[in-house]
Amino acid sequence: MAIVKTKAEYELMKKDILTKIDKFLLDYGDFTRKTAPKHWRGTSNVYQALNKAKKDIPEYDPLEMKHLEHDWVRDDVLTDEEKELYDATTKYNI
């Protein structure tokens, strides 16, 4: 299934998203310097949340097939087509 990535693929995804966060933070910083002071608290909250995510992401683990054994995980991460494929392969132990 395309949703489950190898460790190497997942590491590349993490590197890519961290690069995007860095770029967004630079752009967001430029934007917020031009924002009225009454909005600084809100802009600061966004900045802090993104910085926290940036620190947390390196510790994230990839989704594994064993996680898909739970209905609630499948419901959140799989498309309808992927669910059908998953159900068919698990039903017949393929």
N, C-alpha and C. Protein backbone atom coordinates (compact mmCIF):
# COMPACT_ATOMS: atom_id res chain seq x y z
N MET A 1 0.83 -1.19 0.00
CA MET A 1 0.00 0.00 0.00
C MET A 1 0.87 1.25 0.00
N ALA A 2 0.44 2.23 -0.72
CA ALA A 2 1.22 3.46 -0.84
C ALA A 2 1.29 4.23 0.47
N ILE A 3 0.33 4.00 1.35
CA ILE A 3 0.29 4.76 2.60
C ILE A 3 1.42 4.34 3.55
N VAL A 4 1.84 3.08 3.48
CA VAL A 4 2.92 2.58 4.33
C VAL A 4 4.23 2.76 3.59
N LYS A 5 5.14 3.52 4.18
CA LYS A 5 6.41 3.85 3.56
C LYS A 5 7.54 3.07 4.20
N THR A 6 8.62 2.88 3.44
CA THR A 6 9.82 2.29 4.01
C THR A 6 10.45 3.32 4.95
N LYS A 7 11.36 2.87 5.79
CA LYS A 7 12.04 3.78 6.71
C LYS A 7 12.76 4.88 5.93
N ALA A 8 13.43 4.50 4.83
CA ALA A 8 14.17 5.49 4.02
C ALA A 8 13.21 6.50 3.39
N GLU A 9 12.08 6.03 2.85
CA GLU A 9 11.10 6.94 2.26
C GLU A 9 10.55 7.90 3.30
N TYR A 10 10.29 7.35 4.50
CA TYR A 10 9.73 8.17 5.57
C TYR A 10 10.74 9.23 6.03
N GLU A 11 12.00 8.85 6.10
CA GLU A 11 13.04 9.82 6.49
C GLU A 11 13.12 10.95 5.46
N LEU A 12 13.00 10.63 4.18
CA LEU A 12 12.98 11.67 3.15
C LEU A 12 11.76 12.58 3.31
N MET A 13 10.61 11.98 3.65
CA MET A 13 9.40 12.78 3.87
C MET A 13 9.60 13.74 5.04
N LYS A 14 10.22 13.25 6.11
CA LYS A 14 10.45 14.10 7.28
C LYS A 14 11.39 15.25 6.91
N LYS A 15 12.45 14.94 6.18
CA LYS A 15 13.40 15.97 5.78
C LYS A 15 12.70 17.02 4.92
N ASP A 16 11.85 16.57 4.00
CA ASP A 16 11.11 17.47 3.12
C ASP A 16 10.17 18.38 3.91
N ILE A 17 9.42 17.80 4.84
CA ILE A 17 8.46 18.63 5.59
C ILE A 17 9.20 19.60 6.51
N LEU A 18 10.34 19.20 7.06
CA LEU A 18 11.11 20.12 7.90
C LEU A 18 11.65 21.29 7.07
N THR A 19 12.06 21.02 5.84
CA THR A 19 12.51 22.08 4.94
C THR A 19 11.37 23.04 4.64
N LYS A 20 10.18 22.49 4.40
CA LYS A 20 9.01 23.33 4.12
C LYS A 20 8.64 24.18 5.33
N ILE A 21 8.74 23.60 6.53
CA ILE A 21 8.45 24.37 7.74
C ILE A 21 9.44 25.51 7.89
N ASP A 22 10.73 25.23 7.66
CA ASP A 22 11.75 26.28 7.75
C ASP A 22 11.44 27.42 6.79
N LYS A 23 11.10 27.09 5.56
CA LYS A 23 10.78 28.12 4.57
C LYS A 23 9.54 28.90 5.00
N PHE A 24 8.52 28.18 5.47
CA PHE A 24 7.31 28.86 5.91
C PHE A 24 7.61 29.79 7.08
N LEU A 25 8.42 29.35 8.02
CA LEU A 25 8.75 30.19 9.18
C LEU A 25 9.46 31.47 8.75
N LEU A 26 10.33 31.37 7.75
CA LEU A 26 10.99 32.58 7.24
C LEU A 26 9.97 33.52 6.60
N ASP A 27 9.11 32.96 5.75
CA ASP A 27 8.08 33.77 5.10
C ASP A 27 7.10 34.35 6.12
N TYR A 28 6.73 33.53 7.10
CA TYR A 28 5.80 33.96 8.13
C TYR A 28 6.42 35.07 8.98
N GLY A 29 7.72 34.93 9.27
CA GLY A 29 8.42 35.97 10.02
C GLY A 29 8.40 37.30 9.29
N ASP A 30 8.64 37.25 7.98
CA ASP A 30 8.56 38.48 7.17
C ASP A 30 7.16 39.07 7.21
N PHE A 31 6.17 38.20 7.11
CA PHE A 31 4.78 38.66 7.14
C PHE A 31 4.43 39.29 8.49
N THR A 32 4.79 38.62 9.58
CA THR A 32 4.39 39.12 10.90
C THR A 32 5.08 40.42 11.28
N ARG A 33 6.25 40.69 10.70
CA ARG A 33 6.91 41.97 10.97
C ARG A 33 6.12 43.14 10.38
N LYS A 34 5.21 42.82 9.49
CA LYS A 34 4.39 43.86 8.86
C LYS A 34 2.96 43.84 9.40
N THR A 35 2.76 43.13 10.51
CA THR A 35 1.44 42.96 11.10
C THR A 35 1.29 43.88 12.31
N ALA A 36 0.10 44.41 12.50
CA ALA A 36 -0.17 45.32 13.62
C ALA A 36 0.07 44.61 14.96
N PRO A 37 0.55 45.34 15.95
CA PRO A 37 0.84 44.75 17.25
C PRO A 37 -0.33 44.03 17.91
N LYS A 38 -1.56 44.47 17.62
CA LYS A 38 -2.71 43.82 18.26
C LYS A 38 -2.84 42.35 17.84
N HIS A 39 -2.16 41.93 16.76
CA HIS A 39 -2.24 40.55 16.28
C HIS A 39 -1.02 39.71 16.69
N TRP A 40 -0.07 40.31 17.38
CA TRP A 40 1.19 39.61 17.67
C TRP A 40 1.00 38.38 18.53
N ARG A 41 0.07 38.41 19.46
CA ARG A 41 -0.15 37.23 20.31
C ARG A 41 -0.56 36.03 19.46
N GLY A 42 -1.48 36.25 18.53
CA GLY A 42 -1.93 35.17 17.66
C GLY A 42 -0.82 34.68 16.73
N THR A 43 -0.07 35.62 16.16
CA THR A 43 1.00 35.22 15.26
C THR A 43 2.10 34.49 16.03
N SER A 44 2.32 34.89 17.26
CA SER A 44 3.31 34.22 18.10
C SER A 44 2.90 32.78 18.41
N ASN A 45 1.60 32.56 18.66
CA ASN A 45 1.12 31.20 18.94
C ASN A 45 1.38 30.27 17.76
N VAL A 46 1.14 30.76 16.55
CA VAL A 46 1.37 29.96 15.35
C VAL A 46 2.87 29.64 15.23
N TYR A 47 3.69 30.65 15.42
CA TYR A 47 5.14 30.48 15.33
C TYR A 47 5.64 29.46 16.35
N GLN A 48 5.16 29.55 17.58
CA GLN A 48 5.58 28.61 18.62
C GLN A 48 5.12 27.19 18.31
N ALA A 49 3.90 27.03 17.81
CA ALA A 49 3.39 25.70 17.47
C ALA A 49 4.22 25.06 16.35
N LEU A 50 4.57 25.84 15.35
CA LEU A 50 5.38 25.31 14.26
C LEU A 50 6.79 24.95 14.73
N ASN A 51 7.35 25.76 15.60
CA ASN A 51 8.68 25.43 16.15
C ASN A 51 8.64 24.15 16.98
N LYS A 52 7.55 23.96 17.73
CA LYS A 52 7.41 22.73 18.51
C LYS A 52 7.29 21.53 17.58
N ALA A 53 6.49 21.67 16.53
CA ALA A 53 6.34 20.58 15.56
C ALA A 53 7.69 20.27 14.92
N LYS A 54 8.44 21.29 14.60
CA LYS A 54 9.75 21.11 13.97
C LYS A 54 10.69 20.32 14.89
N LYS A 55 10.59 20.54 16.18
CA LYS A 55 11.43 19.80 17.13
C LYS A 55 10.92 18.37 17.33
N ASP A 56 9.62 18.17 17.23
CA ASP A 56 9.02 16.85 17.47
C ASP A 56 9.13 15.91 16.26
N ILE A 57 9.05 16.43 15.06
CA ILE A 57 9.00 15.60 13.85
C ILE A 57 10.16 14.61 13.74
N PRO A 58 11.39 14.97 14.08
CA PRO A 58 12.47 13.98 13.97
C PRO A 58 12.24 12.71 14.81
N GLU A 59 11.41 12.81 15.82
CA GLU A 59 11.13 11.65 16.68
C GLU A 59 9.94 10.82 16.19
N TYR A 60 9.22 11.27 15.18
CA TYR A 60 8.04 10.56 14.68
C TYR A 60 8.45 9.25 14.01
N ASP A 61 7.59 8.25 14.13
CA ASP A 61 7.80 6.94 13.51
C ASP A 61 6.84 6.78 12.34
N PRO A 62 7.25 6.00 11.33
CA PRO A 62 6.36 5.80 10.19
C PRO A 62 5.20 4.87 10.53
N LEU A 63 4.13 5.01 9.77
CA LEU A 63 2.99 4.12 9.87
C LEU A 63 3.42 2.73 9.43
N GLU A 64 2.99 1.71 10.15
CA GLU A 64 3.33 0.33 9.80
C GLU A 64 2.05 -0.45 9.57
N MET A 65 2.19 -1.58 8.86
CA MET A 65 1.03 -2.42 8.57
C MET A 65 0.30 -2.83 9.84
N LYS A 66 1.05 -3.08 10.92
CA LYS A 66 0.40 -3.51 12.17
C LYS A 66 -0.56 -2.44 12.70
N HIS A 67 -0.28 -1.18 12.39
CA HIS A 67 -1.18 -0.10 12.83
C HIS A 67 -2.52 -0.17 12.12
N LEU A 68 -2.51 -0.69 10.90
CA LEU A 68 -3.74 -0.77 10.11
C LEU A 68 -4.69 -1.86 10.60
N GLU A 69 -4.27 -2.65 11.57
CA GLU A 69 -5.15 -3.66 12.15
C GLU A 69 -6.30 -3.03 12.92
N HIS A 70 -6.15 -1.77 13.27
CA HIS A 70 -7.18 -1.05 14.03
C HIS A 70 -8.10 -0.29 13.08
N ASP A 71 -9.41 -0.50 13.23
CA ASP A 71 -10.40 0.17 12.36
C ASP A 71 -10.24 1.68 12.37
N TRP A 72 -10.04 2.25 13.55
CA TRP A 72 -9.99 3.70 13.65
C TRP A 72 -8.77 4.26 12.92
N VAL A 73 -7.68 3.51 12.84
CA VAL A 73 -6.52 3.97 12.07
C VAL A 73 -6.83 3.90 10.59
N ARG A 74 -7.39 2.76 10.15
CA ARG A 74 -7.76 2.62 8.74
C ARG A 74 -8.72 3.72 8.31
N ASP A 75 -9.70 4.03 9.16
CA ASP A 75 -10.68 5.06 8.83
C ASP A 75 -10.03 6.43 8.65
N ASP A 76 -8.97 6.70 9.41
CA ASP A 76 -8.32 8.00 9.33
C ASP A 76 -7.31 8.13 8.19
N VAL A 77 -6.64 7.03 7.82
CA VAL A 77 -5.53 7.17 6.88
C VAL A 77 -5.76 6.58 5.50
N LEU A 78 -6.71 5.67 5.35
CA LEU A 78 -6.90 5.01 4.06
C LEU A 78 -8.06 5.63 3.29
N THR A 79 -7.88 5.68 1.97
CA THR A 79 -8.98 6.08 1.10
C THR A 79 -9.94 4.89 1.01
N ASP A 80 -11.12 5.10 0.43
CA ASP A 80 -12.08 4.02 0.26
C ASP A 80 -11.48 2.88 -0.57
N GLU A 81 -10.75 3.22 -1.63
CA GLU A 81 -10.13 2.20 -2.47
C GLU A 81 -9.08 1.41 -1.70
N GLU A 82 -8.28 2.11 -0.88
CA GLU A 82 -7.26 1.43 -0.08
C GLU A 82 -7.90 0.52 0.97
N LYS A 83 -9.03 0.95 1.53
CA LYS A 83 -9.74 0.11 2.50
C LYS A 83 -10.23 -1.18 1.84
N GLU A 84 -10.76 -1.06 0.62
CA GLU A 84 -11.23 -2.24 -0.10
C GLU A 84 -10.07 -3.19 -0.37
N LEU A 85 -8.95 -2.66 -0.79
CA LEU A 85 -7.78 -3.48 -1.05
C LEU A 85 -7.28 -4.14 0.23
N TYR A 86 -7.23 -3.36 1.30
CA TYR A 86 -6.80 -3.91 2.59
C TYR A 86 -7.73 -5.04 3.03
N ASP A 87 -9.04 -4.81 2.96
CA ASP A 87 -10.01 -5.82 3.37
C ASP A 87 -9.88 -7.08 2.52
N ALA A 88 -9.69 -6.92 1.22
CA ALA A 88 -9.56 -8.07 0.33
C ALA A 88 -8.29 -8.87 0.63
N THR A 89 -7.18 -8.18 0.87
CA THR A 89 -5.93 -8.89 1.10
C THR A 89 -5.90 -9.55 2.48
N THR A 90 -6.52 -8.94 3.48
CA THR A 90 -6.53 -9.56 4.80
C THR A 90 -7.54 -10.70 4.86
N LYS A 91 -8.62 -10.58 4.12
CA LYS A 91 -9.66 -11.62 4.13
C LYS A 91 -9.11 -12.93 3.57
N TYR A 92 -8.29 -12.81 2.54
CA TYR A 92 -7.76 -14.01 1.88
C TYR A 92 -6.29 -14.27 2.21
N ASN A 93 -5.76 -13.55 3.21
CA ASN A 93 -4.36 -13.70 3.65
C ASN A 93 -3.37 -13.57 2.49
N ILE A 94 -3.60 -12.59 1.65
CA ILE A 94 -2.70 -12.36 0.52
C ILE A 94 -1.55 -11.50 0.97
